[in-house]
């Protein structure tokens, strides 16, 4: 049952059905933010953890997202071995192992996880990984379960319902304000590595949402997982709305979203002001209140290079920071929207609207208080 009165809130806190999370997150690590544009802070360092799933799945394939996300190697690690503390994978396919992933599979001891990348080409298509348990592994398929990527809010509480009570944010960095933060639950994603292909491309895979099953309130946004090339195509999504009506399209009037040239990792590529600029979400067809599934993406022209990620997310709340060095706080018990729900398994991440040009790696700090009854 959701918390419905002040007495219930007091009782929940008294019974330790309460969690406070302190978070500390950096803005984009490689480029300054541009005033008037939106950004996905899950690509930056800090807590919530830097997102390891964006761009890691097969092209155009559906991937559900939760506070832990499982990916599976597409081929068996036939020549890999775990000897001492080093695992060398020479046959890893389009999915990737990342630091912090729990390894499972035939012959893999419980609790084995990757602690750091060693030599090799990195997190994809082979490489050397340092792990925390000594063992030997021969021909098998290995799966990896990522550590929690979103804000930790006290774990699963079902059948109770978790609600946000208070939130705060602060930054003392020059030109870090004014800005607006938006907490979202990232529910699903699609990698689009075929960015030089024009026309409609169909997404694949059974699209079973881990939360918000009907798609009510879910919105889509698009970010690069690799720096984009110089193309500036219009973008149109084909989707099924929250009422289950298929064949819906991003409206072309007044303009389809237009990609920004050479967009950096983490930037919402069509955000900003002017013709074809929106933010942060792709506009929906008139009357639609959410997205149940996405069937296609259509780029009007090549983007030259790069890789995109289409993300389905549920907006939870927004929090404006008006002044550098002054904490922004919001009481979600007494203010509207009141006490938004956080589902079990939610992958909570921050989006940010840059009100001014913001330096690389600008740090933001805040807290999030939740309770359940």
Protein backbone atom coordinates (compact mmCIF):
# COMPACT_ATOMS: atom_id res chain seq x y z
CA UNK A 1 0.00 0.00 0.00
CA UNK A 2 1.22 3.48 -0.79
CA UNK A 3 1.78 5.99 1.99
CA UNK A 4 -1.42 8.04 2.20
CA UNK A 5 -1.18 10.12 5.36
CA UNK A 6 1.30 11.87 7.61
CA UNK A 7 0.62 9.24 10.29
CA UNK A 8 1.62 6.49 7.84
CA UNK A 9 4.80 8.37 6.91
CA UNK A 10 5.76 8.75 10.57
CA UNK A 11 5.01 5.07 11.21
CA UNK A 12 7.12 3.99 8.21
CA UNK A 13 10.10 6.06 9.32
CA UNK A 14 9.73 4.82 12.90
CA UNK A 15 9.71 1.24 11.62
CA UNK A 16 12.90 1.88 9.59
CA UNK A 17 10.98 1.62 6.33
CA UNK A 18 13.05 4.55 5.15
CA UNK A 19 16.20 5.09 3.11
CA UNK A 20 18.37 8.14 2.50
CA UNK A 21 20.70 8.09 -0.50
CA UNK A 22 23.46 10.66 -0.89
CA UNK A 23 24.54 10.98 -4.50
CA UNK A 24 27.46 12.73 -6.18
CA UNK A 25 27.53 12.95 -9.95
CA UNK A 26 29.76 14.57 -12.56
CA UNK A 27 28.62 16.20 -15.79
CA UNK A 28 30.06 15.05 -19.12
CA UNK A 29 33.66 13.84 -18.76
CA UNK A 30 34.98 14.86 -22.19
CA UNK A 31 33.24 18.07 -23.26
CA UNK A 32 31.62 21.14 -21.75
CA UNK A 33 27.84 21.33 -21.68
CA UNK A 34 26.22 23.89 -23.96
CA UNK A 35 23.60 26.27 -22.53
CA UNK A 36 20.08 25.39 -23.61
CA UNK A 37 20.69 21.67 -24.19
CA UNK A 38 19.79 18.53 -22.23
CA UNK A 39 22.24 15.83 -21.12
CA UNK A 40 22.11 12.31 -19.68
CA UNK A 41 24.38 12.29 -16.62
CA UNK A 42 24.44 8.48 -16.51
CA UNK A 43 27.43 8.74 -18.88
CA UNK A 44 29.46 10.65 -16.27
CA UNK A 45 31.41 9.36 -13.29
CA UNK A 46 30.13 9.12 -9.73
CA UNK A 47 27.03 7.72 -8.04
CA UNK A 48 24.71 6.62 -9.65
CA UNK A 49 27.41 4.47 -11.29
CA UNK A 50 28.55 5.32 -14.79
CA UNK A 51 26.23 3.50 -17.16
CA UNK A 52 27.85 0.38 -18.60
CA UNK A 53 24.96 -0.78 -20.79
CA UNK A 54 24.55 2.13 -23.22
CA UNK A 55 25.71 1.05 -26.65
CA UNK A 56 26.69 -2.42 -25.41
CA UNK A 57 23.92 -4.51 -26.99
CA UNK A 58 23.36 -5.77 -30.52
CA UNK A 59 22.27 -3.22 -33.13
CA UNK A 60 18.53 -2.43 -33.00
CA UNK A 61 17.88 -5.01 -30.24
CA UNK A 62 15.59 -4.37 -27.26
CA UNK A 63 17.24 -4.41 -23.82
CA UNK A 64 15.24 -4.07 -20.61
CA UNK A 65 16.97 -2.03 -17.88
CA UNK A 66 16.78 -2.44 -14.11
CA UNK A 67 19.08 -1.65 -11.20
CA UNK A 68 20.87 -4.81 -12.30
CA UNK A 69 21.03 -5.77 -15.97
CA UNK A 70 22.11 -9.16 -17.34
CA UNK A 71 23.91 -9.54 -20.66
CA UNK A 72 25.12 -12.78 -22.23
CA UNK A 73 28.16 -13.41 -24.40
CA UNK A 74 26.96 -14.36 -27.88
CA UNK A 75 29.60 -17.10 -28.20
CA UNK A 76 31.26 -19.45 -25.74
CA UNK A 77 34.63 -18.43 -24.34
CA UNK A 78 36.37 -21.44 -25.86
CA UNK A 79 39.92 -20.18 -25.46
CA UNK A 80 39.42 -18.14 -22.33
CA UNK A 81 40.71 -19.20 -18.95
CA UNK A 82 40.67 -17.90 -15.43
CA UNK A 83 44.10 -18.44 -13.95
CA UNK A 84 45.19 -16.57 -10.88
CA UNK A 85 43.25 -13.34 -11.11
CA UNK A 86 43.17 -12.81 -14.88
CA UNK A 87 40.44 -13.87 -17.32
CA UNK A 88 41.27 -13.51 -21.03
CA UNK A 89 38.26 -13.62 -23.37
CA UNK A 90 39.17 -13.82 -27.05
CA UNK A 91 35.77 -14.76 -28.44
CA UNK A 92 33.43 -12.27 -26.82
CA UNK A 93 30.75 -11.01 -29.21
CA UNK A 94 28.60 -7.91 -29.43
CA UNK A 95 27.69 -7.82 -25.75
CA UNK A 96 30.37 -6.81 -23.31
CA UNK A 97 31.65 -7.52 -19.85
CA UNK A 98 32.33 -4.44 -17.74
CA UNK A 99 34.00 -3.65 -14.45
CA UNK A 100 31.73 -4.67 -11.59
CA UNK A 101 29.86 -7.36 -13.50
CA UNK A 102 29.05 -10.57 -11.63
CA UNK A 103 30.08 -13.60 -13.72
CA UNK A 104 27.91 -16.71 -13.83
CA UNK A 105 27.90 -19.90 -15.89
CA UNK A 106 29.16 -23.47 -15.87
CA UNK A 107 32.28 -23.72 -13.75
CA UNK A 108 32.13 -20.13 -12.48
CA UNK A 109 32.14 -19.81 -8.70
CA UNK A 110 29.39 -17.78 -7.06
CA UNK A 111 30.39 -14.21 -6.37
CA UNK A 112 33.01 -13.95 -9.13
CA UNK A 113 33.15 -10.44 -10.52
CA UNK A 114 35.41 -8.29 -12.70
CA UNK A 115 37.44 -5.80 -10.67
CA UNK A 116 39.31 -3.97 -13.43
CA UNK A 117 40.27 -4.04 -17.09
CA UNK A 118 43.78 -5.13 -17.83
CA UNK A 119 45.47 -5.31 -21.20
CA UNK A 120 43.66 -5.88 -24.47
CA UNK A 121 41.26 -3.78 -26.46
CA UNK A 122 38.87 -2.75 -23.74
CA UNK A 123 35.42 -3.83 -22.60
CA UNK A 124 34.20 -5.21 -25.92
CA UNK A 125 35.28 -7.91 -28.41
CA UNK A 126 37.88 -9.57 -26.25
CA UNK A 127 40.37 -8.19 -23.78
CA UNK A 128 41.84 -9.11 -20.42
CA UNK A 129 39.81 -8.78 -17.23
CA UNK A 130 40.96 -8.93 -13.63
CA UNK A 131 38.60 -10.88 -11.39
CA UNK A 132 38.32 -11.52 -7.68
CA UNK A 133 38.37 -15.34 -7.52
CA UNK A 134 41.01 -17.80 -8.77
CA UNK A 135 39.59 -20.54 -10.95
CA UNK A 136 39.89 -22.35 -14.28
CA UNK A 137 37.18 -22.17 -16.94
CA UNK A 138 37.00 -23.99 -20.27
CA UNK A 139 34.51 -23.86 -23.16
CA UNK A 140 31.28 -22.32 -21.87
CA UNK A 141 28.90 -19.43 -22.31
CA UNK A 142 29.49 -16.78 -19.66
CA UNK A 143 26.89 -14.27 -18.57
CA UNK A 144 27.48 -11.07 -16.67
CA UNK A 145 25.10 -9.31 -14.29
CA UNK A 146 25.96 -5.65 -13.93
CA UNK A 147 26.20 -4.09 -10.50
CA UNK A 148 23.39 -1.64 -9.67
CA UNK A 149 23.63 1.24 -12.09
CA UNK A 150 20.93 3.50 -10.67
CA UNK A 151 20.53 5.17 -7.29
CA UNK A 152 20.19 2.62 -4.51
CA UNK A 153 16.97 3.36 -2.63
CA UNK A 154 16.75 0.57 -0.10
CA UNK A 155 16.18 -2.48 -2.29
CA UNK A 156 12.95 -4.27 -3.18
CA UNK A 157 10.04 -3.65 -0.81
CA UNK A 158 7.11 -5.45 -2.49
CA UNK A 159 4.26 -5.69 -1.59
CA UNK A 160 4.90 -2.30 -0.04
CA UNK A 161 5.05 0.78 -2.29
CA UNK A 162 8.04 3.12 -2.15
CA UNK A 163 7.53 6.90 -2.34
CA UNK A 164 9.95 9.84 -2.58
CA UNK A 165 9.64 12.25 0.36
CA UNK A 166 12.44 14.79 -0.12
CA UNK A 167 15.18 15.60 -2.61
CA UNK A 168 18.07 18.08 -2.70
CA UNK A 169 20.89 19.10 -5.04
CA UNK A 170 23.83 21.47 -4.89
CA UNK A 171 26.91 22.56 -6.82
CA UNK A 172 29.62 25.06 -5.99
CA UNK A 173 31.31 24.97 -9.38
CA UNK A 174 31.48 28.11 -11.52
CA UNK A 175 28.58 28.37 -14.02
CA UNK A 176 27.04 25.13 -12.69
CA UNK A 177 23.80 27.08 -12.23
CA UNK A 178 21.17 27.86 -13.26
CA UNK A 179 20.34 24.32 -14.23
CA UNK A 180 17.50 21.83 -13.92
CA UNK A 181 17.89 18.20 -12.90
CA UNK A 182 15.31 15.55 -13.78
CA UNK A 183 15.27 12.16 -12.10
CA UNK A 184 14.19 9.41 -14.50
CA UNK A 185 13.76 5.66 -14.32
CA UNK A 186 15.49 4.18 -17.38
CA UNK A 187 13.26 1.23 -18.32
CA UNK A 188 14.61 0.01 -21.68
CA UNK A 189 17.06 0.87 -24.45
CA UNK A 190 17.97 0.15 -28.06
CA UNK A 191 21.47 0.53 -29.50
CA UNK A 192 21.54 2.04 -33.01
CA UNK A 193 25.00 1.52 -34.47
CA UNK A 194 23.70 1.64 -38.06
CA UNK A 195 23.66 5.45 -38.09
CA UNK A 196 24.75 5.69 -41.73
CA UNK A 197 21.58 3.89 -42.84
CA UNK A 198 18.75 6.14 -44.00
CA UNK A 199 15.05 5.33 -43.89
CA UNK A 200 13.13 3.25 -41.36
CA UNK A 201 15.02 0.58 -39.44
CA UNK A 202 13.03 -1.96 -37.42
CA UNK A 203 13.86 -2.79 -33.82
CA UNK A 204 14.10 -6.46 -32.84
CA UNK A 205 13.39 -8.59 -29.79
CA UNK A 206 10.37 -9.17 -27.57
CA UNK A 207 9.66 -5.89 -25.82
CA UNK A 208 8.59 -6.83 -22.31
CA UNK A 209 8.89 -3.82 -20.03
CA UNK A 210 10.22 -4.57 -16.52
CA UNK A 211 8.13 -1.72 -15.06
CA UNK A 212 5.23 0.44 -16.32
CA UNK A 213 3.92 -2.50 -18.36
CA UNK A 214 1.42 -0.47 -20.39
CA UNK A 215 3.95 2.27 -21.12
CA UNK A 216 1.89 4.88 -19.27
CA UNK A 217 4.08 7.95 -18.77
CA UNK A 218 7.11 6.48 -20.56
CA UNK A 219 8.98 8.85 -22.87
CA UNK A 220 11.87 8.36 -25.30
CA UNK A 221 15.12 10.26 -25.65
CA UNK A 222 18.22 9.65 -27.76
CA UNK A 223 21.89 10.04 -26.79
CA UNK A 224 25.19 9.06 -28.44
CA UNK A 225 27.22 6.23 -26.91
CA UNK A 226 30.03 7.21 -29.32
CA UNK A 227 30.69 10.77 -30.53
CA UNK A 228 28.54 11.39 -33.59
CA UNK A 229 29.68 12.46 -37.03
CA UNK A 230 28.74 15.64 -38.85
CA UNK A 231 25.31 14.54 -40.10
CA UNK A 232 22.17 16.44 -39.08
CA UNK A 233 19.23 14.21 -40.08
CA UNK A 234 15.68 14.49 -38.87
CA UNK A 235 14.65 11.64 -36.55
CA UNK A 236 11.30 9.87 -36.39
CA UNK A 237 10.27 7.01 -34.11
CA UNK A 238 7.49 4.55 -34.91
CA UNK A 239 5.87 3.28 -31.71
CA UNK A 240 2.87 1.78 -29.93
CA UNK A 241 1.27 4.12 -27.42
CA UNK A 242 0.20 3.40 -23.85
CA UNK A 243 -3.32 2.53 -25.02
CA UNK A 244 -1.86 -0.25 -27.19
CA UNK A 245 -2.43 1.58 -30.49
CA UNK A 246 0.35 0.77 -32.97
CA UNK A 247 1.52 2.72 -35.99
CA UNK A 248 2.08 5.95 -34.05
CA UNK A 249 4.81 8.30 -35.32
CA UNK A 250 6.83 11.23 -34.04
CA UNK A 251 4.84 14.19 -35.44
CA UNK A 252 6.43 16.08 -38.34
CA UNK A 253 4.66 19.36 -37.52
CA UNK A 254 6.00 21.87 -36.68
CA UNK A 255 9.20 19.90 -37.31
CA UNK A 256 10.71 16.51 -36.72
CA UNK A 257 13.58 16.44 -34.21
CA UNK A 258 16.86 17.42 -35.87
CA UNK A 259 20.17 15.97 -34.70
CA UNK A 260 22.95 18.34 -33.69
CA UNK A 261 26.19 17.85 -35.60
CA UNK A 262 29.07 16.04 -33.85
CA UNK A 263 27.01 15.51 -30.68
CA UNK A 264 29.15 14.31 -27.74
CA UNK A 265 28.46 11.21 -25.67
CA UNK A 266 25.61 11.83 -23.23
CA UNK A 267 24.05 14.81 -25.01
CA UNK A 268 20.41 14.52 -26.06
CA UNK A 269 21.07 14.99 -29.75
CA UNK A 270 18.02 17.04 -30.78
CA UNK A 271 17.73 19.15 -27.62
CA UNK A 272 18.01 22.92 -27.63
CA UNK A 273 16.06 25.85 -29.04
CA UNK A 274 15.00 26.63 -32.59
CA UNK A 275 13.42 24.62 -35.38
CA UNK A 276 13.63 20.87 -34.84
CA UNK A 277 14.91 21.23 -31.28
CA UNK A 278 13.11 19.72 -28.30
CA UNK A 279 13.92 18.69 -24.83
CA UNK A 280 14.43 16.33 -23.34
CA UNK A 281 11.98 13.85 -24.92
CA UNK A 282 11.01 12.99 -28.48
CA UNK A 283 7.52 14.50 -29.06
CA UNK A 284 4.57 12.11 -29.25
CA UNK A 285 1.63 12.02 -31.62
CA UNK A 286 -1.32 14.12 -30.43
CA UNK A 287 -3.23 12.55 -27.54
CA UNK A 288 -0.55 10.01 -26.58
CA UNK A 289 0.52 9.83 -22.94
CA UNK A 290 3.26 7.23 -23.13
CA UNK A 291 5.12 4.60 -25.16
CA UNK A 292 4.50 0.87 -24.74
CA UNK A 293 7.03 -0.23 -27.36
CA UNK A 294 9.11 1.24 -30.19
CA UNK A 295 9.03 -0.42 -33.59
CA UNK A 296 11.39 1.70 -35.70
CA UNK A 297 13.74 4.63 -36.06
CA UNK A 298 14.03 6.66 -39.26
CA UNK A 299 17.04 8.87 -40.01
CA UNK A 300 16.49 11.15 -43.01
CA UNK A 301 20.22 11.27 -43.79
CA UNK A 302 23.44 9.62 -42.68
CA UNK A 303 25.02 10.69 -39.42
CA UNK A 304 28.40 9.83 -40.97
CA UNK A 305 29.64 7.96 -37.91
CA UNK A 306 28.95 7.20 -34.26
CA UNK A 307 26.41 5.14 -32.34
CA UNK A 308 23.11 6.12 -30.73
CA UNK A 309 21.05 4.82 -27.84
CA UNK A 310 17.25 5.22 -27.77
CA UNK A 311 16.12 5.12 -24.13
CA UNK A 312 12.62 4.63 -22.74
CA UNK A 313 12.34 6.39 -19.38
CA UNK A 314 9.78 7.46 -16.82
CA UNK A 315 10.22 11.05 -15.54
CA UNK A 316 9.96 11.07 -11.73
CA UNK A 317 10.42 14.76 -10.82
CA UNK A 318 12.41 17.89 -11.74
CA UNK A 319 14.59 19.95 -9.42
CA UNK A 320 15.82 23.41 -10.48
CA UNK A 321 19.10 24.78 -9.09
CA UNK A 322 18.93 28.55 -9.38
CA UNK A 323 22.19 29.75 -7.80
CA UNK A 324 25.76 28.49 -7.59
CA UNK A 325 26.59 27.43 -4.03
CA UNK A 326 22.97 27.42 -2.85
CA UNK A 327 21.27 24.08 -2.19
CA UNK A 328 18.01 23.37 -3.97
CA UNK A 329 15.50 21.36 -1.97
CA UNK A 330 12.04 20.03 -2.70
CA UNK A 331 9.52 18.65 -0.22
CA UNK A 332 7.51 16.07 -2.16
CA UNK A 333 5.16 15.33 0.72
CA UNK A 334 3.56 18.75 0.80
CA UNK A 335 4.33 20.03 -2.70
CA UNK A 336 2.91 18.79 -6.01
CA UNK A 337 3.64 16.46 -7.73
CA UNK A 338 3.38 14.65 -4.40
CA UNK A 339 5.38 11.61 -3.30
CA UNK A 340 6.15 9.98 -6.70
CA UNK A 341 6.45 6.21 -6.66
CA UNK A 342 9.73 4.35 -7.14
CA UNK A 343 9.21 0.79 -8.42
CA UNK A 344 11.30 -2.16 -7.30
CA UNK A 345 14.20 -2.56 -9.72
CA UNK A 346 14.09 1.08 -10.84
CA UNK A 347 17.22 2.23 -12.68
CA UNK A 348 17.29 5.83 -11.46
CA UNK A 349 19.47 8.29 -13.35
CA UNK A 350 19.70 12.07 -13.75
CA UNK A 351 19.01 14.15 -16.85
CA UNK A 352 20.22 17.76 -16.81
CA UNK A 353 19.22 20.93 -18.61
CA UNK A 354 22.26 23.23 -18.83
CA UNK A 355 21.20 26.80 -18.13
CA UNK A 356 24.72 28.02 -18.89
CA UNK A 357 27.86 26.65 -20.51
CA UNK A 358 29.02 24.15 -17.90
CA UNK A 359 32.68 23.04 -17.58
CA UNK A 360 33.80 19.44 -18.12
CA UNK A 361 33.24 17.14 -15.13
CA UNK A 362 31.30 19.71 -13.10
CA UNK A 363 30.24 17.97 -9.88
CA UNK A 364 26.73 17.93 -8.42
CA UNK A 365 25.80 16.57 -5.00
CA UNK A 366 22.44 15.83 -3.43
CA UNK A 367 20.25 13.48 -1.43
CA UNK A 368 17.10 11.45 -1.96
CA UNK A 369 14.80 10.31 0.85
CA UNK A 370 12.27 7.50 0.32
CA UNK A 371 9.89 5.60 2.58
CA UNK A 372 7.52 2.71 2.11
CA UNK A 373 4.44 1.40 3.90
